[in-house]
């Protein structure tokens, strides 16, 4: 499969040094950042998951097509599909995300979330570039 050129690619990042977790989402067709959020001191999994949920909200609110999200986080995909996190960090943002996924489940279930293959396609365009070499 070739690198996707349509859909939304969210990514999350966490800096222990700065105690900052954040996420953003890129429209793959235009390369434009369509949402971004700083979450305070959470975890990378929380950032990745909330990025996927933000992408789903964006798709629903803007009638965005194609209804597809690409993430390189298996954890975020699992939590999204389960509509529930397994995070030990409880926060209002996580609670709201879970409520949103369950309340809008009919809409949410029409959105495809697929794995972004970093090895085959390179880092997602939303990547923050924080990885150590």
N, C-alpha and C. Protein backbone atom coordinates (compact mmCIF):
# COMPACT_ATOMS: atom_id res chain seq x y z
N UNK A 1 0.84 -1.20 0.00
CA UNK A 1 0.00 0.00 0.00
C UNK A 1 0.88 1.25 0.00
N UNK A 2 0.48 2.24 -0.78
CA UNK A 2 1.23 3.49 -0.84
C UNK A 2 0.84 4.42 0.30
N UNK A 3 1.73 5.38 0.57
CA UNK A 3 1.49 6.38 1.61
C UNK A 3 0.16 7.10 1.34
N UNK A 4 -0.71 7.16 2.34
CA UNK A 4 -2.02 7.82 2.16
C UNK A 4 -1.87 9.30 1.82
N UNK A 5 -2.77 9.78 0.98
CA UNK A 5 -2.76 11.20 0.58
C UNK A 5 -4.07 11.90 0.95
N UNK A 6 -5.01 11.16 1.52
CA UNK A 6 -6.27 11.75 1.95
C UNK A 6 -6.65 11.19 3.31
N UNK A 7 -7.32 12.01 4.09
CA UNK A 7 -7.72 11.64 5.44
C UNK A 7 -7.07 12.57 6.44
N UNK A 8 -7.17 12.21 7.71
CA UNK A 8 -6.58 13.02 8.77
C UNK A 8 -5.53 12.18 9.50
N UNK A 9 -4.37 12.76 9.74
CA UNK A 9 -3.30 12.10 10.48
C UNK A 9 -3.03 12.88 11.76
N UNK A 10 -3.51 12.39 12.90
CA UNK A 10 -3.17 13.01 14.18
C UNK A 10 -1.91 12.39 14.75
N UNK A 11 -1.24 13.10 15.64
CA UNK A 11 -0.11 12.54 16.37
C UNK A 11 -0.03 13.20 17.73
N UNK A 12 0.45 12.45 18.69
CA UNK A 12 0.63 12.96 20.04
C UNK A 12 2.10 12.92 20.41
N UNK A 13 2.48 13.76 21.36
CA UNK A 13 3.86 13.79 21.84
C UNK A 13 3.85 14.15 23.32
N UNK A 14 4.86 13.63 24.01
CA UNK A 14 5.02 13.96 25.43
C UNK A 14 6.48 14.28 25.70
N UNK A 15 6.72 15.37 26.40
CA UNK A 15 8.06 15.75 26.82
C UNK A 15 8.13 15.66 28.34
N UNK A 16 8.90 14.68 28.84
CA UNK A 16 9.09 14.56 30.30
C UNK A 16 9.83 15.76 30.83
N UNK A 17 10.79 16.24 30.05
CA UNK A 17 11.61 17.38 30.46
C UNK A 17 10.74 18.62 30.73
N UNK A 18 9.76 18.84 29.86
CA UNK A 18 8.90 20.02 29.99
C UNK A 18 7.55 19.71 30.63
N UNK A 19 7.28 18.42 30.91
CA UNK A 19 5.99 18.04 31.48
C UNK A 19 4.82 18.44 30.60
N UNK A 20 4.97 18.24 29.29
CA UNK A 20 3.97 18.71 28.34
C UNK A 20 3.56 17.59 27.39
N UNK A 21 2.27 17.36 27.31
CA UNK A 21 1.70 16.43 26.34
C UNK A 21 0.85 17.26 25.38
N UNK A 22 0.95 16.93 24.10
CA UNK A 22 0.18 17.68 23.11
C UNK A 22 -0.17 16.78 21.94
N UNK A 23 -1.10 17.24 21.14
CA UNK A 23 -1.46 16.53 19.91
C UNK A 23 -1.84 17.54 18.86
N UNK A 24 -1.80 17.08 17.63
CA UNK A 24 -2.28 17.90 16.50
C UNK A 24 -2.72 16.96 15.39
N UNK A 25 -3.46 17.51 14.45
CA UNK A 25 -3.94 16.73 13.32
C UNK A 25 -3.69 17.48 12.02
N UNK A 26 -3.29 16.72 11.01
CA UNK A 26 -2.98 17.27 9.69
C UNK A 26 -3.96 16.70 8.66
N UNK A 27 -4.47 17.58 7.81
CA UNK A 27 -5.25 17.14 6.66
C UNK A 27 -4.24 16.64 5.64
N UNK A 28 -4.28 15.36 5.31
CA UNK A 28 -3.28 14.77 4.42
C UNK A 28 -3.32 15.34 3.01
N UNK A 29 -4.47 15.79 2.57
CA UNK A 29 -4.57 16.34 1.21
C UNK A 29 -3.89 17.71 1.10
N UNK A 30 -4.07 18.56 2.14
CA UNK A 30 -3.56 19.93 2.07
C UNK A 30 -2.27 20.15 2.87
N UNK A 31 -2.01 19.25 3.84
CA UNK A 31 -0.86 19.43 4.72
C UNK A 31 -1.08 20.47 5.82
N UNK A 32 -2.31 20.96 5.94
CA UNK A 32 -2.63 22.01 6.91
C UNK A 32 -2.94 21.40 8.27
N UNK A 33 -2.44 22.04 9.34
CA UNK A 33 -2.79 21.65 10.70
C UNK A 33 -4.24 22.09 10.92
N UNK A 34 -5.12 21.12 11.21
CA UNK A 34 -6.54 21.46 11.36
C UNK A 34 -6.98 21.50 12.82
N UNK A 35 -6.16 20.97 13.72
CA UNK A 35 -6.39 21.13 15.15
C UNK A 35 -5.09 20.87 15.90
N UNK A 36 -5.01 21.46 17.08
CA UNK A 36 -3.82 21.31 17.93
C UNK A 36 -4.22 21.62 19.36
N UNK A 37 -3.66 20.89 20.32
CA UNK A 37 -4.02 21.08 21.72
C UNK A 37 -2.84 20.74 22.63
N UNK A 38 -2.63 21.55 23.64
CA UNK A 38 -1.69 21.25 24.72
C UNK A 38 -2.50 20.71 25.88
N UNK A 39 -2.05 19.59 26.46
CA UNK A 39 -2.82 18.90 27.49
C UNK A 39 -2.24 18.99 28.89
N UNK A 40 -1.11 19.66 29.04
CA UNK A 40 -0.44 19.62 30.34
C UNK A 40 0.36 18.34 30.44
N UNK A 41 0.60 17.88 31.64
CA UNK A 41 1.45 16.71 31.87
C UNK A 41 0.61 15.44 31.88
N UNK A 42 0.51 14.78 30.74
CA UNK A 42 -0.22 13.51 30.61
C UNK A 42 0.78 12.43 30.17
N UNK A 43 0.41 11.59 29.22
CA UNK A 43 1.31 10.58 28.65
C UNK A 43 1.19 10.63 27.14
N UNK A 44 2.15 10.02 26.45
CA UNK A 44 2.08 10.00 24.99
C UNK A 44 0.83 9.25 24.53
N UNK A 45 0.46 8.15 25.21
CA UNK A 45 -0.73 7.40 24.82
C UNK A 45 -1.99 8.25 24.95
N UNK A 46 -2.06 9.05 26.00
CA UNK A 46 -3.21 9.94 26.17
C UNK A 46 -3.24 10.95 25.02
N UNK A 47 -2.09 11.53 24.69
CA UNK A 47 -2.02 12.48 23.58
C UNK A 47 -2.41 11.86 22.26
N UNK A 48 -1.93 10.65 22.00
CA UNK A 48 -2.27 9.95 20.75
C UNK A 48 -3.77 9.68 20.67
N UNK A 49 -4.34 9.18 21.76
CA UNK A 49 -5.77 8.86 21.80
C UNK A 49 -6.62 10.11 21.62
N UNK A 50 -6.31 11.16 22.36
CA UNK A 50 -7.10 12.39 22.25
C UNK A 50 -6.96 13.01 20.86
N UNK A 51 -5.82 12.80 20.21
CA UNK A 51 -5.65 13.25 18.83
C UNK A 51 -6.59 12.52 17.88
N UNK A 52 -6.72 11.21 18.06
CA UNK A 52 -7.64 10.43 17.23
C UNK A 52 -9.08 10.85 17.49
N UNK A 53 -9.43 11.07 18.75
CA UNK A 53 -10.80 11.52 19.08
C UNK A 53 -11.05 12.90 18.48
N UNK A 54 -10.07 13.79 18.55
CA UNK A 54 -10.23 15.13 17.95
C UNK A 54 -10.43 15.01 16.44
N UNK A 55 -9.74 14.07 15.81
CA UNK A 55 -9.92 13.86 14.37
C UNK A 55 -11.35 13.38 14.08
N UNK A 56 -11.86 12.47 14.91
CA UNK A 56 -13.24 12.00 14.73
C UNK A 56 -14.23 13.15 14.90
N UNK A 57 -14.02 13.97 15.91
CA UNK A 57 -14.89 15.14 16.12
C UNK A 57 -14.84 16.05 14.90
N UNK A 58 -13.65 16.28 14.38
CA UNK A 58 -13.49 17.15 13.21
C UNK A 58 -14.26 16.59 12.01
N UNK A 59 -14.14 15.29 11.79
CA UNK A 59 -14.85 14.65 10.67
C UNK A 59 -16.35 14.84 10.81
N UNK A 60 -16.87 14.61 12.01
CA UNK A 60 -18.31 14.72 12.25
C UNK A 60 -18.77 16.17 12.14
N UNK A 61 -18.06 17.10 12.78
CA UNK A 61 -18.48 18.51 12.80
C UNK A 61 -18.38 19.18 11.44
N UNK A 62 -17.42 18.76 10.60
CA UNK A 62 -17.20 19.42 9.32
C UNK A 62 -17.65 18.58 8.12
N UNK A 63 -18.30 17.44 8.41
CA UNK A 63 -18.71 16.53 7.34
C UNK A 63 -17.53 16.23 6.41
N UNK A 64 -16.39 15.99 7.01
CA UNK A 64 -15.12 15.78 6.31
C UNK A 64 -15.11 14.42 5.61
N UNK A 65 -14.63 14.41 4.38
CA UNK A 65 -14.43 13.16 3.66
C UNK A 65 -13.03 13.15 3.07
N UNK A 66 -12.42 11.99 2.96
CA UNK A 66 -12.92 10.69 3.37
C UNK A 66 -12.91 10.56 4.90
N UNK A 67 -13.78 9.73 5.40
CA UNK A 67 -13.94 9.55 6.85
C UNK A 67 -12.90 8.53 7.33
N UNK A 68 -11.64 8.92 7.24
CA UNK A 68 -10.56 8.02 7.62
C UNK A 68 -9.48 8.76 8.41
N UNK A 69 -9.00 8.09 9.44
CA UNK A 69 -7.96 8.62 10.32
C UNK A 69 -6.79 7.64 10.29
N UNK A 70 -5.59 8.16 10.16
CA UNK A 70 -4.38 7.34 10.21
C UNK A 70 -3.56 7.72 11.43
N UNK A 71 -3.24 6.73 12.28
CA UNK A 71 -2.41 6.97 13.45
C UNK A 71 -1.36 5.87 13.56
N UNK A 72 -0.21 6.23 14.11
CA UNK A 72 0.84 5.22 14.31
C UNK A 72 0.78 4.62 15.71
N UNK A 73 -0.32 4.82 16.42
CA UNK A 73 -0.48 4.33 17.79
C UNK A 73 -1.51 3.20 17.86
N UNK A 74 -1.02 1.98 18.06
CA UNK A 74 -1.91 0.83 18.24
C UNK A 74 -2.78 1.03 19.48
N UNK A 75 -2.19 1.62 20.54
CA UNK A 75 -2.95 1.89 21.76
C UNK A 75 -4.12 2.82 21.48
N UNK A 76 -3.88 3.91 20.74
CA UNK A 76 -4.96 4.85 20.42
C UNK A 76 -6.04 4.17 19.59
N UNK A 77 -5.66 3.33 18.66
CA UNK A 77 -6.64 2.61 17.84
C UNK A 77 -7.50 1.71 18.73
N UNK A 78 -6.85 0.98 19.63
CA UNK A 78 -7.57 0.07 20.53
C UNK A 78 -8.52 0.83 21.44
N UNK A 79 -8.03 1.89 22.08
CA UNK A 79 -8.89 2.69 22.97
C UNK A 79 -10.06 3.29 22.20
N UNK A 80 -9.80 3.78 20.98
CA UNK A 80 -10.85 4.37 20.15
C UNK A 80 -11.92 3.32 19.83
N UNK A 81 -11.49 2.17 19.39
CA UNK A 81 -12.45 1.11 19.02
C UNK A 81 -13.24 0.63 20.23
N UNK A 82 -12.57 0.57 21.40
CA UNK A 82 -13.24 0.15 22.64
C UNK A 82 -14.10 1.26 23.25
N UNK A 83 -13.87 2.50 22.77
CA UNK A 83 -14.54 3.68 23.32
C UNK A 83 -14.26 3.84 24.81
N UNK A 84 -13.08 3.40 25.21
CA UNK A 84 -12.65 3.45 26.61
C UNK A 84 -11.14 3.31 26.67
N UNK A 85 -10.52 4.11 27.55
CA UNK A 85 -9.07 4.03 27.72
C UNK A 85 -8.72 3.01 28.79
N UNK A 86 -7.45 2.66 28.83
CA UNK A 86 -6.92 1.82 29.90
C UNK A 86 -5.87 2.63 30.67
N UNK A 87 -5.95 3.95 30.54
CA UNK A 87 -4.96 4.82 31.16
C UNK A 87 -5.16 4.91 32.67
N UNK A 88 -4.04 4.91 33.39
CA UNK A 88 -4.07 5.12 34.85
C UNK A 88 -4.26 6.61 35.16
N UNK A 89 -3.93 7.48 34.17
CA UNK A 89 -4.10 8.93 34.33
C UNK A 89 -5.55 9.28 34.03
N UNK A 90 -6.27 9.61 35.04
CA UNK A 90 -7.66 10.01 34.83
C UNK A 90 -7.70 11.54 34.72
N UNK A 91 -8.41 12.01 33.74
CA UNK A 91 -8.50 13.45 33.52
C UNK A 91 -9.86 13.77 32.91
N UNK A 92 -10.30 15.02 33.08
CA UNK A 92 -11.56 15.42 32.44
C UNK A 92 -11.53 15.22 30.92
N UNK A 93 -10.38 15.45 30.29
CA UNK A 93 -10.28 15.30 28.83
C UNK A 93 -10.53 13.85 28.41
N UNK A 94 -9.97 12.91 29.16
CA UNK A 94 -10.19 11.49 28.84
C UNK A 94 -11.65 11.11 29.07
N UNK A 95 -12.21 11.55 30.17
CA UNK A 95 -13.61 11.26 30.46
C UNK A 95 -14.52 11.81 29.35
N UNK A 96 -14.29 13.06 28.95
CA UNK A 96 -15.10 13.68 27.89
C UNK A 96 -14.96 12.93 26.58
N UNK A 97 -13.73 12.47 26.27
CA UNK A 97 -13.49 11.72 25.03
C UNK A 97 -14.28 10.41 25.03
N UNK A 98 -14.25 9.69 26.16
CA UNK A 98 -14.99 8.44 26.26
C UNK A 98 -16.50 8.67 26.13
N UNK A 99 -17.00 9.71 26.78
CA UNK A 99 -18.43 10.04 26.69
C UNK A 99 -18.79 10.39 25.23
N UNK A 100 -17.97 11.19 24.59
CA UNK A 100 -18.20 11.56 23.19
C UNK A 100 -18.28 10.30 22.31
N UNK A 101 -17.30 9.41 22.46
CA UNK A 101 -17.26 8.21 21.62
C UNK A 101 -18.50 7.34 21.81
N UNK A 102 -18.96 7.23 23.04
CA UNK A 102 -20.16 6.41 23.29
C UNK A 102 -21.43 7.13 22.83
N UNK A 103 -21.54 8.42 23.13
CA UNK A 103 -22.75 9.18 22.79
C UNK A 103 -22.94 9.28 21.28
N UNK A 104 -21.83 9.48 20.56
CA UNK A 104 -21.89 9.62 19.10
C UNK A 104 -21.49 8.32 18.40
N UNK A 105 -21.71 7.19 19.06
CA UNK A 105 -21.21 5.92 18.52
C UNK A 105 -21.71 5.60 17.12
N UNK A 106 -22.95 5.96 16.80
CA UNK A 106 -23.47 5.69 15.45
C UNK A 106 -22.62 6.42 14.41
N UNK A 107 -22.31 7.68 14.66
CA UNK A 107 -21.44 8.46 13.76
C UNK A 107 -20.00 7.96 13.81
N UNK A 108 -19.50 7.77 15.02
CA UNK A 108 -18.10 7.36 15.21
C UNK A 108 -17.83 6.04 14.49
N UNK A 109 -18.78 5.13 14.53
CA UNK A 109 -18.60 3.82 13.90
C UNK A 109 -18.54 3.88 12.38
N UNK A 110 -18.86 5.02 11.77
CA UNK A 110 -18.74 5.17 10.31
C UNK A 110 -17.34 5.68 9.92
N UNK A 111 -16.50 5.94 10.91
CA UNK A 111 -15.15 6.46 10.67
C UNK A 111 -14.15 5.31 10.75
N UNK A 112 -13.30 5.21 9.76
CA UNK A 112 -12.26 4.19 9.73
C UNK A 112 -10.99 4.74 10.37
N UNK A 113 -10.39 3.96 11.27
CA UNK A 113 -9.11 4.32 11.85
C UNK A 113 -8.13 3.23 11.46
N UNK A 114 -7.08 3.65 10.75
CA UNK A 114 -6.09 2.69 10.27
C UNK A 114 -4.70 3.03 10.80
N UNK A 115 -3.88 2.01 10.80
CA UNK A 115 -2.50 2.16 11.28
C UNK A 115 -1.65 2.87 10.23
N UNK A 116 -0.92 3.89 10.68
CA UNK A 116 0.05 4.60 9.83
C UNK A 116 1.36 3.84 9.92
N UNK A 117 1.83 3.33 8.81
CA UNK A 117 3.04 2.50 8.76
C UNK A 117 4.29 3.38 8.69
N UNK A 118 4.87 3.67 9.85
CA UNK A 118 6.07 4.53 9.90
C UNK A 118 7.24 3.94 9.10
N UNK A 119 7.38 2.63 9.14
CA UNK A 119 8.50 2.01 8.41
C UNK A 119 8.35 2.16 6.91
N UNK A 120 7.15 1.97 6.43
CA UNK A 120 6.91 2.04 5.00
C UNK A 120 6.68 3.44 4.46
N UNK A 121 6.11 4.32 5.30
CA UNK A 121 5.70 5.65 4.82
C UNK A 121 6.46 6.80 5.46
N UNK A 122 7.31 6.51 6.44
CA UNK A 122 7.96 7.58 7.19
C UNK A 122 7.03 8.05 8.30
N UNK A 123 7.53 8.98 9.09
CA UNK A 123 6.71 9.51 10.19
C UNK A 123 5.44 10.18 9.64
N UNK A 124 4.38 10.14 10.43
CA UNK A 124 3.15 10.83 10.06
C UNK A 124 3.45 12.33 9.91
N UNK A 125 2.80 13.02 9.00
CA UNK A 125 3.03 14.45 8.82
C UNK A 125 2.76 15.28 10.09
N UNK A 126 1.97 14.74 11.02
CA UNK A 126 1.67 15.46 12.25
C UNK A 126 2.75 15.27 13.32
N UNK A 127 3.76 14.45 13.03
CA UNK A 127 4.80 14.15 14.02
C UNK A 127 5.48 15.42 14.51
N UNK A 128 5.78 15.45 15.81
CA UNK A 128 6.40 16.62 16.44
C UNK A 128 7.92 16.60 16.35
N UNK A 129 8.50 15.48 15.88
CA UNK A 129 9.95 15.42 15.74
C UNK A 129 10.70 15.34 17.05
N UNK A 130 10.08 14.80 18.10
CA UNK A 130 10.70 14.75 19.42
C UNK A 130 11.50 13.47 19.67
N UNK A 131 11.46 12.52 18.75
CA UNK A 131 12.10 11.23 19.01
C UNK A 131 13.61 11.38 19.07
N UNK A 132 14.19 10.63 20.02
CA UNK A 132 15.65 10.64 20.17
C UNK A 132 16.23 9.63 19.19
N UNK A 133 17.38 9.94 18.63
CA UNK A 133 18.00 8.98 17.70
C UNK A 133 18.96 8.07 18.40
